[in-house]
Amino acid sequence: MWAYLDDVLRQLAGGEGDLKSLLPDAWAQTHPDSIRVYRHHESLTRSAKTKARRVRCRLQAR
């Protein structure tokens, strides 16, 4: 997201007239290396860490 915002602001400040190329979908097609694909296993890992932390907190509270 930051790469997109940086690029858009630089182009607008530079007087870029082609606003269609600044739309998120068009920008993503021309900058595939800047797009991070959300991964399902990252969500599962984060969820497992949260559950483990909650269990530890509950055990310490006893």
C-alpha atoms as a PDB file:
ATOM      1  CA  MET A   1       0.000   0.000   0.000  1.00  0.00           C
ATOM      2  CA  TRP A   2       2.819   2.414   0.846  1.00  0.00           C
ATOM      3  CA  ALA A   3       4.490   1.825  -2.509  1.00  0.00           C
ATOM      4  CA  TYR A   4       1.206   2.634  -4.246  1.00  0.00           C
ATOM      5  CA  LEU A   5       0.638   5.818  -2.241  1.00  0.00           C
ATOM      6  CA  ASP A   6       4.220   6.953  -2.765  1.00  0.00           C
ATOM      7  CA  ASP A   7       3.994   6.384  -6.505  1.00  0.00           C
ATOM      8  CA  VAL A   8       0.618   8.127  -6.803  1.00  0.00           C
ATOM      9  CA  LEU A   9       1.754  11.157  -4.813  1.00  0.00           C
ATOM     10  CA  ARG A  10       4.963  11.465  -6.822  1.00  0.00           C
ATOM     11  CA  GLN A  11       3.090  11.285 -10.124  1.00  0.00           C
ATOM     12  CA  LEU A  12       0.441  13.778  -9.028  1.00  0.00           C
ATOM     13  CA  ALA A  13       3.065  16.177  -7.702  1.00  0.00           C
ATOM     14  CA  GLY A  14       4.921  15.847 -11.000  1.00  0.00           C
ATOM     15  CA  GLY A  15       1.838  16.900 -12.955  1.00  0.00           C
ATOM     16  CA  GLU A  16       0.853  13.484 -14.307  1.00  0.00           C
ATOM     17  CA  GLY A  17      -2.269  13.844 -16.447  1.00  0.00           C
ATOM     18  CA  ASP A  18      -3.128  10.153 -16.920  1.00  0.00           C
ATOM     19  CA  LEU A  19      -5.222   9.481 -13.828  1.00  0.00           C
ATOM     20  CA  LYS A  20      -6.516   6.123 -15.093  1.00  0.00           C
ATOM     21  CA  SER A  21      -3.052   4.625 -14.661  1.00  0.00           C
ATOM     22  CA  LEU A  22      -3.168   5.647 -10.997  1.00  0.00           C
ATOM     23  CA  LEU A  23      -6.247   3.575 -10.205  1.00  0.00           C
ATOM     24  CA  PRO A  24      -5.359   0.703  -7.840  1.00  0.00           C
ATOM     25  CA  ASP A  25      -6.167  -2.082 -10.306  1.00  0.00           C
ATOM     26  CA  ALA A  26      -4.203  -0.516 -13.148  1.00  0.00           C
ATOM     27  CA  TRP A  27      -1.287   0.260 -10.830  1.00  0.00           C
ATOM     28  CA  ALA A  28      -1.232  -3.321  -9.509  1.00  0.00           C
ATOM     29  CA  GLN A  29      -0.941  -4.682 -13.045  1.00  0.00           C
ATOM     30  CA  THR A  30       2.078  -2.514 -13.782  1.00  0.00           C
ATOM     31  CA  HIS A  31       3.755  -3.118 -10.385  1.00  0.00           C
ATOM     32  CA  PRO A  32       3.275  -6.837  -9.607  1.00  0.00           C
ATOM     33  CA  ASP A  33       6.465  -6.959  -7.540  1.00  0.00           C
ATOM     34  CA  SER A  34       4.993  -4.441  -5.081  1.00  0.00           C
ATOM     35  CA  ILE A  35       1.829  -6.425  -4.423  1.00  0.00           C
ATOM     36  CA  ARG A  36       1.842  -8.766  -1.440  1.00  0.00           C
ATOM     37  CA  VAL A  37      -0.512 -11.694  -1.788  1.00  0.00           C
ATOM     38  CA  TYR A  38      -2.259 -12.584   1.453  1.00  0.00           C
ATOM     39  CA  ARG A  39      -1.433 -16.102   2.485  1.00  0.00           C
ATOM     40  CA  HIS A  40      -3.893 -18.364   4.268  1.00  0.00           C
ATOM     41  CA  HIS A  41      -1.260 -20.100   6.386  1.00  0.00           C
ATOM     42  CA  GLU A  42      -0.165 -16.745   7.804  1.00  0.00           C
ATOM     43  CA  SER A  43      -3.682 -16.235   9.091  1.00  0.00           C
ATOM     44  CA  LEU A  44      -3.711 -19.668  10.698  1.00  0.00           C
ATOM     45  CA  THR A  45      -0.317 -19.092  12.322  1.00  0.00           C
ATOM     46  CA  ARG A  46      -1.394 -15.722  13.699  1.00  0.00           C
ATOM     47  CA  SER A  47      -4.599 -17.262  15.045  1.00  0.00           C
ATOM     48  CA  ALA A  48      -2.675 -20.079  16.757  1.00  0.00           C
ATOM     49  CA  LYS A  49      -0.285 -17.593  18.380  1.00  0.00           C
ATOM     50  CA  THR A  50      -3.214 -15.526  19.654  1.00  0.00           C
ATOM     51  CA  LYS A  51      -4.911 -18.595  21.131  1.00  0.00           C
ATOM     52  CA  ALA A  52      -1.676 -19.706  22.815  1.00  0.00           C
ATOM     53  CA  ARG A  53      -1.156 -16.243  24.296  1.00  0.00           C
ATOM     54  CA  ARG A  54      -4.704 -16.212  25.664  1.00  0.00           C
ATOM     55  CA  VAL A  55      -4.211 -19.622  27.272  1.00  0.00           C
ATOM     56  CA  ARG A  56      -0.967 -18.450  28.904  1.00  0.00           C
ATOM     57  CA  CYS A  57      -2.679 -15.335  30.230  1.00  0.00           C
ATOM     58  CA  ARG A  58      -5.566 -17.369  31.662  1.00  0.00           C
ATOM     59  CA  LEU A  59      -3.174 -19.786  33.355  1.00  0.00           C
ATOM     60  CA  GLN A  60      -1.153 -16.958  34.875  1.00  0.00           C
ATOM     61  CA  ALA A  61      -4.298 -15.273  36.200  1.00  0.00           C
ATOM     62  CA  ARG A  62      -5.211 -18.340  38.293  1.00  0.00           C
END
